[in-house]
């Protein structure tokens, strides 16, 4: 996770249990379609560590970039999507944190 994203998330009133550095919150994406999601989930905001799977979703809206569907092995399964793009030669994955109209991002960069 980027340092700016974590700093913003920590200001949320619901994020009192979020600590550590941005390097503690990562998504390890493997070639075989599996992943480790050691990061933050919302409602309530909390740190989690789950295994799961990922797959690329066909691009439907060029303005938002590409999407990656994720299914975490958590309490019967938890599915969500991350948008991704390339910025300045770096892979960037992101999703909105809270209300999408606020443009607060939970962002990861490789």
PDB file of N, CA and C in Angstrom:
ATOM      1  N   UNK A   1       0.855  -1.170   0.000  1.00  0.00           N
ATOM      2  CA  UNK A   1       0.000   0.000   0.000  1.00  0.00           C
ATOM      3  C   UNK A   1       0.901   1.232   0.000  1.00  0.00           C
ATOM      4  N   UNK A   2       0.438   2.282  -0.619  1.00  0.00           N
ATOM      5  CA  UNK A   2       1.263   3.491  -0.618  1.00  0.00           C
ATOM      6  C   UNK A   2       1.196   4.162   0.755  1.00  0.00           C
ATOM      7  N   UNK A   3       2.251   4.879   1.055  1.00  0.00           N
ATOM      8  CA  UNK A   3       2.337   5.599   2.333  1.00  0.00           C
ATOM      9  C   UNK A   3       1.205   6.627   2.469  1.00  0.00           C
ATOM     10  N   UNK A   4       0.909   7.348   1.380  1.00  0.00           N
ATOM     11  CA  UNK A   4      -0.161   8.347   1.422  1.00  0.00           C
ATOM     12  C   UNK A   4      -1.521   7.711   1.697  1.00  0.00           C
ATOM     13  N   UNK A   5      -1.794   6.559   1.082  1.00  0.00           N
ATOM     14  CA  UNK A   5      -3.070   5.884   1.306  1.00  0.00           C
ATOM     15  C   UNK A   5      -3.222   5.468   2.764  1.00  0.00           C
ATOM     16  N   UNK A   6      -2.181   4.850   3.315  1.00  0.00           N
ATOM     17  CA  UNK A   6      -2.271   4.403   4.703  1.00  0.00           C
ATOM     18  C   UNK A   6      -2.426   5.588   5.645  1.00  0.00           C
ATOM     19  N   UNK A   7      -1.705   6.663   5.403  1.00  0.00           N
ATOM     20  CA  UNK A   7      -1.824   7.844   6.258  1.00  0.00           C
ATOM     21  C   UNK A   7      -3.269   8.362   6.248  1.00  0.00           C
ATOM     22  N   UNK A   8      -3.888   8.401   5.071  1.00  0.00           N
ATOM     23  CA  UNK A   8      -5.275   8.847   4.962  1.00  0.00           C
ATOM     24  C   UNK A   8      -6.229   7.888   5.664  1.00  0.00           C
ATOM     25  N   UNK A   9      -6.043   6.589   5.473  1.00  0.00           N
ATOM     26  CA  UNK A   9      -6.919   5.595   6.111  1.00  0.00           C
ATOM     27  C   UNK A   9      -6.834   5.699   7.629  1.00  0.00           C
ATOM     28  N   UNK A  10      -5.642   5.935   8.165  1.00  0.00           N
ATOM     29  CA  UNK A  10      -5.473   6.038   9.625  1.00  0.00           C
ATOM     30  C   UNK A  10      -6.230   7.228  10.217  1.00  0.00           C
ATOM     31  N   UNK A  11      -6.575   8.223   9.399  1.00  0.00           N
ATOM     32  CA  UNK A  11      -7.332   9.371   9.908  1.00  0.00           C
ATOM     33  C   UNK A  11      -8.814   9.055  10.049  1.00  0.00           C
ATOM     34  N   UNK A  12      -9.263   7.932   9.481  1.00  0.00           N
ATOM     35  CA  UNK A  12     -10.669   7.553   9.550  1.00  0.00           C
ATOM     36  C   UNK A  12     -11.019   7.160  10.985  1.00  0.00           C
ATOM     37  N   UNK A  13     -12.169   7.610  11.465  1.00  0.00           N
ATOM     38  CA  UNK A  13     -12.571   7.341  12.851  1.00  0.00           C
ATOM     39  C   UNK A  13     -12.754   5.855  13.124  1.00  0.00           C
ATOM     40  N   UNK A  14     -13.002   5.061  12.092  1.00  0.00           N
ATOM     41  CA  UNK A  14     -13.234   3.625  12.236  1.00  0.00           C
ATOM     42  C   UNK A  14     -11.932   2.820  12.177  1.00  0.00           C
ATOM     43  N   UNK A  15     -10.781   3.472  11.987  1.00  0.00           N
ATOM     44  CA  UNK A  15      -9.522   2.776  11.749  1.00  0.00           C
ATOM     45  C   UNK A  15      -8.602   2.757  12.953  1.00  0.00           C
ATOM     46  N   UNK A  16      -9.143   2.764  14.153  1.00  0.00           N
ATOM     47  CA  UNK A  16      -8.306   2.858  15.350  1.00  0.00           C
ATOM     48  C   UNK A  16      -7.349   1.677  15.509  1.00  0.00           C
ATOM     49  N   UNK A  17      -7.676   0.505  14.984  1.00  0.00           N
ATOM     50  CA  UNK A  17      -6.807  -0.657  15.126  1.00  0.00           C
ATOM     51  C   UNK A  17      -5.766  -0.795  14.036  1.00  0.00           C
ATOM     52  N   UNK A  18      -5.709   0.130  13.105  1.00  0.00           N
ATOM     53  CA  UNK A  18      -4.756   0.060  12.000  1.00  0.00           C
ATOM     54  C   UNK A  18      -3.447   0.696  12.444  1.00  0.00           C
ATOM     55  N   UNK A  19      -2.378  -0.101  12.432  1.00  0.00           N
ATOM     56  CA  UNK A  19      -1.077   0.438  12.827  1.00  0.00           C
ATOM     57  C   UNK A  19      -0.011  -0.087  11.879  1.00  0.00           C
ATOM     58  N   UNK A  20       1.238   0.135  12.208  1.00  0.00           N
ATOM     59  CA  UNK A  20       2.332  -0.315  11.369  1.00  0.00           C
ATOM     60  C   UNK A  20       2.570   0.640  10.204  1.00  0.00           C
ATOM     61  N   UNK A  21       3.443   0.192   9.296  1.00  0.00           N
ATOM     62  CA  UNK A  21       3.792   1.034   8.155  1.00  0.00           C
ATOM     63  C   UNK A  21       3.070   0.547   6.902  1.00  0.00           C
ATOM     64  N   UNK A  22       3.152   1.344   5.858  1.00  0.00           N
ATOM     65  CA  UNK A  22       2.494   0.981   4.608  1.00  0.00           C
ATOM     66  C   UNK A  22       3.063  -0.319   4.034  1.00  0.00           C
ATOM     67  N   UNK A  23       4.291  -0.682   4.380  1.00  0.00           N
ATOM     68  CA  UNK A  23       4.902  -1.922   3.889  1.00  0.00           C
ATOM     69  C   UNK A  23       4.289  -3.154   4.542  1.00  0.00           C
ATOM     70  N   UNK A  24       3.575  -2.968   5.667  1.00  0.00           N
ATOM     71  CA  UNK A  24       2.910  -4.089   6.340  1.00  0.00           C
ATOM     72  C   UNK A  24       1.632  -4.510   5.616  1.00  0.00           C
ATOM     73  N   UNK A  25       1.140  -3.675   4.715  1.00  0.00           N
ATOM     74  CA  UNK A  25      -0.115  -3.930   4.018  1.00  0.00           C
ATOM     75  C   UNK A  25       0.180  -4.159   2.544  1.00  0.00           C
ATOM     76  N   UNK A  26       0.134  -5.426   2.134  1.00  0.00           N
ATOM     77  CA  UNK A  26       0.550  -5.803   0.789  1.00  0.00           C
ATOM     78  C   UNK A  26      -0.423  -6.806   0.181  1.00  0.00           C
ATOM     79  N   UNK A  27      -0.390  -6.880  -1.151  1.00  0.00           N
ATOM     80  CA  UNK A  27      -1.090  -7.922  -1.884  1.00  0.00           C
ATOM     81  C   UNK A  27      -0.035  -8.676  -2.669  1.00  0.00           C
ATOM     82  N   UNK A  28       0.141  -9.945  -2.372  1.00  0.00           N
ATOM     83  CA  UNK A  28       1.106 -10.788  -3.084  1.00  0.00           C
ATOM     84  C   UNK A  28       0.335 -11.551  -4.163  1.00  0.00           C
ATOM     85  N   UNK A  29       0.544 -11.192  -5.404  1.00  0.00           N
ATOM     86  CA  UNK A  29      -0.166 -11.791  -6.533  1.00  0.00           C
ATOM     87  C   UNK A  29       0.740 -12.847  -7.162  1.00  0.00           C
ATOM     88  N   UNK A  30       0.229 -14.081  -7.261  1.00  0.00           N
ATOM     89  CA  UNK A  30       1.032 -15.178  -7.807  1.00  0.00           C
ATOM     90  C   UNK A  30       0.571 -15.545  -9.217  1.00  0.00           C
ATOM     91  N   UNK A  31       1.502 -16.068 -10.023  1.00  0.00           N
ATOM     92  CA  UNK A  31       1.208 -16.432 -11.412  1.00  0.00           C
ATOM     93  C   UNK A  31       0.124 -17.499 -11.535  1.00  0.00           C
ATOM     94  N   UNK A  32      -0.034 -18.346 -10.516  1.00  0.00           N
ATOM     95  CA  UNK A  32      -0.983 -19.453 -10.617  1.00  0.00           C
ATOM     96  C   UNK A  32      -2.433 -19.037 -10.325  1.00  0.00           C
ATOM     97  N   UNK A  33      -2.673 -17.729 -10.165  1.00  0.00           N
ATOM     98  CA  UNK A  33      -4.036 -17.244  -9.915  1.00  0.00           C
ATOM     99  C   UNK A  33      -4.407 -17.167  -8.448  1.00  0.00           C
ATOM    100  N   UNK A  34      -3.448 -17.417  -7.559  1.00  0.00           N
ATOM    101  CA  UNK A  34      -3.702 -17.280  -6.126  1.00  0.00           C
ATOM    102  C   UNK A  34      -3.048 -15.998  -5.630  1.00  0.00           C
ATOM    103  N   UNK A  35      -3.420 -15.592  -4.422  1.00  0.00           N
ATOM    104  CA  UNK A  35      -2.824 -14.399  -3.831  1.00  0.00           C
ATOM    105  C   UNK A  35      -2.892 -14.458  -2.315  1.00  0.00           C
ATOM    106  N   UNK A  36      -2.102 -13.611  -1.714  1.00  0.00           N
ATOM    107  CA  UNK A  36      -2.190 -13.364  -0.266  1.00  0.00           C
ATOM    108  C   UNK A  36      -2.542 -11.901  -0.112  1.00  0.00           C
ATOM    109  N   UNK A  37      -3.658 -11.650   0.573  1.00  0.00           N
ATOM    110  CA  UNK A  37      -4.135 -10.279   0.800  1.00  0.00           C
ATOM    111  C   UNK A  37      -3.883  -9.972   2.263  1.00  0.00           C
ATOM    112  N   UNK A  38      -2.794  -9.283   2.522  1.00  0.00           N
ATOM    113  CA  UNK A  38      -2.415  -8.858   3.876  1.00  0.00           C
ATOM    114  C   UNK A  38      -2.575  -7.349   3.881  1.00  0.00           C
ATOM    115  N   UNK A  39      -3.817  -6.911   4.137  1.00  0.00           N
ATOM    116  CA  UNK A  39      -4.100  -5.495   3.975  1.00  0.00           C
ATOM    117  C   UNK A  39      -5.292  -5.082   4.836  1.00  0.00           C
ATOM    118  N   UNK A  40      -6.072  -4.137   4.316  1.00  0.00           N
ATOM    119  CA  UNK A  40      -7.161  -3.537   5.072  1.00  0.00           C
ATOM    120  C   UNK A  40      -8.483  -3.791   4.371  1.00  0.00           C
ATOM    121  N   UNK A  41      -9.482  -4.198   5.155  1.00  0.00           N
ATOM    122  CA  UNK A  41     -10.859  -4.312   4.659  1.00  0.00           C
ATOM    123  C   UNK A  41     -11.692  -3.278   5.389  1.00  0.00           C
ATOM    124  N   UNK A  42     -12.777  -2.886   4.745  1.00  0.00           N
ATOM    125  CA  UNK A  42     -13.664  -1.866   5.329  1.00  0.00           C
ATOM    126  C   UNK A  42     -14.925  -2.494   5.915  1.00  0.00           C
ATOM    127  N   UNK A  43     -15.605  -1.682   6.676  1.00  0.00           N
ATOM    128  CA  UNK A  43     -16.927  -1.935   7.277  1.00  0.00           C
ATOM    129  C   UNK A  43     -16.915  -3.209   8.124  1.00  0.00           C
ATOM    130  N   UNK A  44     -16.339  -3.194   9.303  1.00  0.00           N
ATOM    131  CA  UNK A  44     -15.530  -2.102   9.851  1.00  0.00           C
ATOM    132  C   UNK A  44     -14.107  -2.152   9.296  1.00  0.00           C
ATOM    133  N   UNK A  45     -13.395  -1.061   9.392  1.00  0.00           N
ATOM    134  CA  UNK A  45     -12.016  -0.984   8.925  1.00  0.00           C
ATOM    135  C   UNK A  45     -11.148  -1.827   9.843  1.00  0.00           C
ATOM    136  N   UNK A  46     -10.426  -2.783   9.226  1.00  0.00           N
ATOM    137  CA  UNK A  46      -9.591  -3.681  10.027  1.00  0.00           C
ATOM    138  C   UNK A  46      -8.499  -4.287   9.160  1.00  0.00           C
ATOM    139  N   UNK A  47      -7.418  -4.682   9.801  1.00  0.00           N
ATOM    140  CA  UNK A  47      -6.332  -5.375   9.119  1.00  0.00           C
ATOM    141  C   UNK A  47      -6.709  -6.848   9.006  1.00  0.00           C
ATOM    142  N   UNK A  48      -6.447  -7.443   7.834  1.00  0.00           N
ATOM    143  CA  UNK A  48      -6.745  -8.859   7.601  1.00  0.00           C
ATOM    144  C   UNK A  48      -5.565  -9.528   6.915  1.00  0.00           C
ATOM    145  N   UNK A  49      -5.531 -10.844   6.979  1.00  0.00           N
ATOM    146  CA  UNK A  49      -4.506 -11.641   6.301  1.00  0.00           C
ATOM    147  C   UNK A  49      -5.201 -12.886   5.763  1.00  0.00           C
ATOM    148  N   UNK A  50      -5.501 -12.906   4.457  1.00  0.00           N
ATOM    149  CA  UNK A  50      -6.237 -13.998   3.833  1.00  0.00           C
ATOM    150  C   UNK A  50      -5.529 -14.477   2.578  1.00  0.00           C
ATOM    151  N   UNK A  51      -5.717 -15.731   2.273  1.00  0.00           N
ATOM    152  CA  UNK A  51      -5.369 -16.285   0.976  1.00  0.00           C
ATOM    153  C   UNK A  51      -6.576 -16.093   0.071  1.00  0.00           C
ATOM    154  N   UNK A  52      -6.366 -16.168  -1.221  1.00  0.00           N
ATOM    155  CA  UNK A  52      -7.483 -16.032  -2.137  1.00  0.00           C
ATOM    156  C   UNK A  52      -7.069 -16.296  -3.563  1.00  0.00           C
ATOM    157  N   UNK A  53      -7.934 -15.908  -4.486  1.00  0.00           N
ATOM    158  CA  UNK A  53      -7.661 -16.058  -5.912  1.00  0.00           C
ATOM    159  C   UNK A  53      -7.917 -14.736  -6.616  1.00  0.00           C
ATOM    160  N   UNK A  54      -7.346 -14.605  -7.815  1.00  0.00           N
ATOM    161  CA  UNK A  54      -7.544 -13.393  -8.612  1.00  0.00           C
ATOM    162  C   UNK A  54      -7.702 -13.784 -10.073  1.00  0.00           C
ATOM    163  N   UNK A  55      -8.374 -12.919 -10.820  1.00  0.00           N
ATOM    164  CA  UNK A  55      -8.446 -13.064 -12.270  1.00  0.00           C
ATOM    165  C   UNK A  55      -8.690 -11.688 -12.870  1.00  0.00           C
ATOM    166  N   UNK A  56      -8.198 -11.510 -14.080  1.00  0.00           N
ATOM    167  CA  UNK A  56      -8.388 -10.242 -14.774  1.00  0.00           C
ATOM    168  C   UNK A  56      -9.795 -10.194 -15.343  1.00  0.00           C
ATOM    169  N   UNK A  57     -10.388  -9.035 -15.256  1.00  0.00           N
ATOM    170  CA  UNK A  57     -11.730  -8.819 -15.778  1.00  0.00           C
ATOM    171  C   UNK A  57     -11.603  -7.987 -17.046  1.00  0.00           C
ATOM    172  N   UNK A  58     -12.316  -8.368 -18.106  1.00  0.00           N
ATOM    173  CA  UNK A  58     -12.225  -7.563 -19.333  1.00  0.00           C
ATOM    174  C   UNK A  58     -12.578  -6.109 -19.079  1.00  0.00           C
ATOM    175  N   UNK A  59     -11.837  -5.225 -19.739  1.00  0.00           N
ATOM    176  CA  UNK A  59     -12.047  -3.781 -19.571  1.00  0.00           C
ATOM    177  C   UNK A  59     -13.369  -3.377 -20.207  1.00  0.00           C
ATOM    178  N   UNK A  60     -14.196  -2.698 -19.416  1.00  0.00           N
ATOM    179  CA  UNK A  60     -15.493  -2.250 -19.918  1.00  0.00           C
ATOM    180  C   UNK A  60     -15.560  -0.744 -20.060  1.00  0.00           C
ATOM    181  N   UNK A  61     -14.741  -0.021 -19.312  1.00  0.00           N
ATOM    182  CA  UNK A  61     -14.757   1.439 -19.358  1.00  0.00           C
ATOM    183  C   UNK A  61     -13.320   1.950 -19.419  1.00  0.00           C
ATOM    184  N   UNK A  62     -12.868   2.423 -20.576  1.00  0.00           N
ATOM    185  CA  UNK A  62     -11.482   2.888 -20.704  1.00  0.00           C
ATOM    186  C   UNK A  62     -11.111   3.988 -19.714  1.00  0.00           C
ATOM    187  N   UNK A  63     -12.064   4.744 -19.238  1.00  0.00           N
ATOM    188  CA  UNK A  63     -11.769   5.840 -18.304  1.00  0.00           C
ATOM    189  C   UNK A  63     -11.319   5.316 -16.946  1.00  0.00           C
ATOM    190  N   UNK A  64     -11.786   4.139 -16.541  1.00  0.00           N
ATOM    191  CA  UNK A  64     -11.442   3.622 -15.216  1.00  0.00           C
ATOM    192  C   UNK A  64     -10.279   2.642 -15.253  1.00  0.00           C
ATOM    193  N   UNK A  65      -9.818   2.255 -16.422  1.00  0.00           N
ATOM    194  CA  UNK A  65      -8.708   1.313 -16.501  1.00  0.00           C
ATOM    195  C   UNK A  65      -9.186  -0.121 -16.457  1.00  0.00           C
ATOM    196  N   UNK A  66      -8.288  -0.994 -16.090  1.00  0.00           N
ATOM    197  CA  UNK A  66      -8.556  -2.429 -16.038  1.00  0.00           C
ATOM    198  C   UNK A  66      -9.015  -2.824 -14.641  1.00  0.00           C
ATOM    199  N   UNK A  67      -9.571  -4.044 -14.544  1.00  0.00           N
ATOM    200  CA  UNK A  67     -10.001  -4.519 -13.230  1.00  0.00           C
ATOM    201  C   UNK A  67      -9.476  -5.915 -12.955  1.00  0.00           C
ATOM    202  N   UNK A  68      -9.237  -6.175 -11.689  1.00  0.00           N
ATOM    203  CA  UNK A  68      -8.848  -7.477 -11.204  1.00  0.00           C
ATOM    204  C   UNK A  68      -9.905  -7.900 -10.188  1.00  0.00           C
ATOM    205  N   UNK A  69     -10.543  -9.047 -10.431  1.00  0.00           N
ATOM    206  CA  UNK A  69     -11.502  -9.589  -9.474  1.00  0.00           C
ATOM    207  C   UNK A  69     -10.748 -10.422  -8.458  1.00  0.00           C
ATOM    208  N   UNK A  70     -11.101 -10.247  -7.177  1.00  0.00           N
ATOM    209  CA  UNK A  70     -10.438 -10.957  -6.087  1.00  0.00           C
ATOM    210  C   UNK A  70     -11.493 -11.676  -5.261  1.00  0.00           C
ATOM    211  N   UNK A  71     -11.197 -12.933  -4.919  1.00  0.00           N
ATOM    212  CA  UNK A  71     -12.043 -13.694  -4.023  1.00  0.00           C
ATOM    213  C   UNK A  71     -11.173 -14.166  -2.867  1.00  0.00           C
ATOM    214  N   UNK A  72     -11.465 -13.678  -1.679  1.00  0.00           N
ATOM    215  CA  UNK A  72     -10.693 -14.041  -0.485  1.00  0.00           C
ATOM    216  C   UNK A  72     -11.344 -15.222   0.211  1.00  0.00           C
ATOM    217  N   UNK A  73     -10.512 -16.106   0.759  1.00  0.00           N
ATOM    218  CA  UNK A  73     -10.989 -17.246   1.535  1.00  0.00           C
ATOM    219  C   UNK A  73     -11.288 -16.763   2.953  1.00  0.00           C
ATOM    220  N   UNK A  74     -12.385 -16.040   3.104  1.00  0.00           N
ATOM    221  CA  UNK A  74     -12.715 -15.430   4.389  1.00  0.00           C
ATOM    222  C   UNK A  74     -14.194 -15.607   4.681  1.00  0.00           C
ATOM    223  N   UNK A  75     -14.504 -16.294   5.757  1.00  0.00           N
ATOM    224  CA  UNK A  75     -15.899 -16.418   6.202  1.00  0.00           C
ATOM    225  C   UNK A  75     -16.852 -16.778   5.058  1.00  0.00           C
ATOM    226  N   UNK A  76     -16.550 -17.850   4.338  1.00  0.00           N
ATOM    227  CA  UNK A  76     -17.397 -18.254   3.232  1.00  0.00           C
ATOM    228  C   UNK A  76     -17.083 -17.556   1.931  1.00  0.00           C
ATOM    229  N   UNK A  77     -16.111 -16.670   1.909  1.00  0.00           N
ATOM    230  CA  UNK A  77     -15.701 -15.968   0.691  1.00  0.00           C
ATOM    231  C   UNK A  77     -16.093 -14.504   0.722  1.00  0.00           C
ATOM    232  N   UNK A  78     -15.198 -13.682   0.258  1.00  0.00           N
ATOM    233  CA  UNK A  78     -15.434 -12.249   0.162  1.00  0.00           C
ATOM    234  C   UNK A  78     -14.871 -11.789  -1.175  1.00  0.00           C
ATOM    235  N   UNK A  79     -15.740 -11.288  -2.051  1.00  0.00           N
ATOM    236  CA  UNK A  79     -15.328 -10.898  -3.395  1.00  0.00           C
ATOM    237  C   UNK A  79     -15.359  -9.382  -3.554  1.00  0.00           C
ATOM    238  N   UNK A  80     -14.378  -8.849  -4.297  1.00  0.00           N
ATOM    239  CA  UNK A  80     -14.333  -7.434  -4.628  1.00  0.00           C
ATOM    240  C   UNK A  80     -13.418  -7.258  -5.831  1.00  0.00           C
ATOM    241  N   UNK A  81     -13.355  -6.065  -6.370  1.00  0.00           N
ATOM    242  CA  UNK A  81     -12.493  -5.771  -7.517  1.00  0.00           C
ATOM    243  C   UNK A  81     -11.569  -4.612  -7.187  1.00  0.00           C
ATOM    244  N   UNK A  82     -10.393  -4.647  -7.788  1.00  0.00           N
ATOM    245  CA  UNK A  82      -9.457  -3.532  -7.743  1.00  0.00           C
ATOM    246  C   UNK A  82      -9.257  -3.061  -9.176  1.00  0.00           C
ATOM    247  N   UNK A  83      -9.186  -1.768  -9.372  1.00  0.00           N
ATOM    248  CA  UNK A  83      -8.811  -1.217 -10.663  1.00  0.00           C
ATOM    249  C   UNK A  83      -7.291  -1.206 -10.730  1.00  0.00           C
ATOM    250  N   UNK A  84      -6.735  -1.314 -11.938  1.00  0.00           N
ATOM    251  CA  UNK A  84      -5.283  -1.210 -12.046  1.00  0.00           C
ATOM    252  C   UNK A  84      -4.889  -0.541 -13.348  1.00  0.00           C
ATOM    253  N   UNK A  85      -3.726   0.080 -13.275  1.00  0.00           N
ATOM    254  CA  UNK A  85      -3.179   0.790 -14.416  1.00  0.00           C
ATOM    255  C   UNK A  85      -1.670   0.881 -14.239  1.00  0.00           C
ATOM    256  N   UNK A  86      -1.006   1.473 -15.201  1.00  0.00           N
ATOM    257  CA  UNK A  86       0.425   1.738 -15.099  1.00  0.00           C
ATOM    258  C   UNK A  86       0.613   3.242 -15.002  1.00  0.00           C
ATOM    259  N   UNK A  87       1.398   3.665 -14.023  1.00  0.00           N
ATOM    260  CA  UNK A  87       1.708   5.083 -13.847  1.00  0.00           C
ATOM    261  C   UNK A  87       3.212   5.218 -13.708  1.00  0.00           C
ATOM    262  N   UNK A  88       3.830   5.969 -14.596  1.00  0.00           N
ATOM    263  CA  UNK A  88       5.279   6.211 -14.562  1.00  0.00           C
ATOM    264  C   UNK A  88       6.078   4.916 -14.468  1.00  0.00           C
ATOM    265  N   UNK A  89       5.646   3.881 -15.195  1.00  0.00           N
ATOM    266  CA  UNK A  89       6.365   2.618 -15.212  1.00  0.00           C
ATOM    267  C   UNK A  89       6.098   1.713 -14.034  1.00  0.00           C
ATOM    268  N   UNK A  90       5.148   2.058 -13.165  1.00  0.00           N
ATOM    269  CA  UNK A  90       4.820   1.253 -11.996  1.00  0.00           C
ATOM    270  C   UNK A  90       3.394   0.730 -12.108  1.00  0.00           C
ATOM    271  N   UNK A  91       3.183  -0.522 -11.683  1.00  0.00           N
ATOM    272  CA  UNK A  91       1.846  -1.087 -11.601  1.00  0.00           C
ATOM    273  C   UNK A  91       1.148  -0.479 -10.396  1.00  0.00           C
ATOM    274  N   UNK A  92      -0.056   0.046 -10.598  1.00  0.00           N
ATOM    275  CA  UNK A  92      -0.824   0.653  -9.521  1.00  0.00           C
ATOM    276  C   UNK A  92      -2.191  -0.021  -9.457  1.00  0.00           C
ATOM    277  N   UNK A  93      -2.531  -0.549  -8.290  1.00  0.00           N
ATOM    278  CA  UNK A  93      -3.853  -1.113  -8.022  1.00  0.00           C
ATOM    279  C   UNK A  93      -4.545  -0.177  -7.055  1.00  0.00           C
ATOM    280  N   UNK A  94      -5.870  -0.006  -7.217  1.00  0.00           N
ATOM    281  CA  UNK A  94      -6.556   0.921  -6.334  1.00  0.00           C
ATOM    282  C   UNK A  94      -8.046   0.598  -6.237  1.00  0.00           C
ATOM    283  N   UNK A  95      -8.615   1.048  -5.147  1.00  0.00           N
ATOM    284  CA  UNK A  95     -10.050   1.019  -4.942  1.00  0.00           C
ATOM    285  C   UNK A  95     -10.397   2.229  -4.092  1.00  0.00           C
ATOM    286  N   UNK A  96     -11.650   2.566  -4.064  1.00  0.00           N
ATOM    287  CA  UNK A  96     -12.066   3.689  -3.225  1.00  0.00           C
ATOM    288  C   UNK A  96     -12.093   3.255  -1.778  1.00  0.00           C
ATOM    289  N   UNK A  97     -11.713   4.161  -0.893  1.00  0.00           N
ATOM    290  CA  UNK A  97     -11.840   3.939   0.539  1.00  0.00           C
ATOM    291  C   UNK A  97     -13.019   4.789   1.002  1.00  0.00           C
ATOM    292  N   UNK A  98     -14.088   4.140   1.407  1.00  0.00           N
ATOM    293  CA  UNK A  98     -15.286   4.875   1.814  1.00  0.00           C
ATOM    294  C   UNK A  98     -16.095   5.301   0.608  1.00  0.00           C
ATOM    295  N   UNK A  99     -16.710   6.445   0.696  1.00  0.00           N
ATOM    296  CA  UNK A  99     -17.588   6.978  -0.339  1.00  0.00           C
ATOM    297  C   UNK A  99     -16.788   7.301  -1.609  1.00  0.00           C
ATOM    298  N   UNK A 100     -17.147   6.697  -2.755  1.00  0.00           N
ATOM    299  CA  UNK A 100     -16.415   7.001  -3.988  1.00  0.00           C
ATOM    300  C   UNK A 100     -16.426   8.483  -4.355  1.00  0.00           C
ATOM    301  N   UNK A 101     -17.452   9.221  -3.955  1.00  0.00           N
ATOM    302  CA  UNK A 101     -17.499  10.647  -4.266  1.00  0.00           C
ATOM    303  C   UNK A 101     -16.434  11.455  -3.522  1.00  0.00           C
ATOM    304  N   UNK A 102     -15.851  10.862  -2.471  1.00  0.00           N
ATOM    305  CA  UNK A 102     -14.807  11.569  -1.715  1.00  0.00           C
ATOM    306  C   UNK A 102     -13.438  11.467  -2.388  1.00  0.00           C
ATOM    307  N   UNK A 103     -13.278  10.555  -3.334  1.00  0.00           N
ATOM    308  CA  UNK A 103     -12.018  10.305  -4.034  1.00  0.00           C
ATOM    309  C   UNK A 103     -10.865   9.978  -3.087  1.00  0.00           C
ATOM    310  N   UNK A 104     -11.188   9.292  -1.977  1.00  0.00           N
ATOM    311  CA  UNK A 104     -10.138   8.760  -1.106  1.00  0.00           C
ATOM    312  C   UNK A 104      -9.800   7.376  -1.636  1.00  0.00           C
ATOM    313  N   UNK A 105      -8.514   7.093  -1.852  1.00  0.00           N
ATOM    314  CA  UNK A 105      -8.112   5.843  -2.477  1.00  0.00           C
ATOM    315  C   UNK A 105      -7.303   4.959  -1.546  1.00  0.00           C
ATOM    316  N   UNK A 106      -7.566   3.687  -1.626  1.00  0.00           N
ATOM    317  CA  UNK A 106      -6.709   2.659  -1.038  1.00  0.00           C
ATOM    318  C   UNK A 106      -5.875   2.175  -2.206  1.00  0.00           C
ATOM    319  N   UNK A 107      -4.610   2.559  -2.230  1.00  0.00           N
ATOM    320  CA  UNK A 107      -3.778   2.420  -3.424  1.00  0.00           C
ATOM    321  C   UNK A 107      -2.531   1.591  -3.114  1.00  0.00           C
ATOM    322  N   UNK A 108      -2.178   0.722  -4.061  1.00  0.00           N
ATOM    323  CA  UNK A 108      -0.999  -0.141  -3.948  1.00  0.00           C
ATOM    324  C   UNK A 108      -0.116   0.131  -5.159  1.00  0.00           C
ATOM    325  N   UNK A 109       1.198   0.130  -4.940  1.00  0.00           N
ATOM    326  CA  UNK A 109       2.114   0.407  -6.043  1.00  0.00           C
ATOM    327  C   UNK A 109       3.275  -0.567  -6.010  1.00  0.00           C
ATOM    328  N   UNK A 110       3.635  -1.068  -7.193  1.00  0.00           N
ATOM    329  CA  UNK A 110       4.778  -1.979  -7.302  1.00  0.00           C
ATOM    330  C   UNK A 110       5.821  -1.322  -8.188  1.00  0.00           C
TER     331      UNK A 110
END
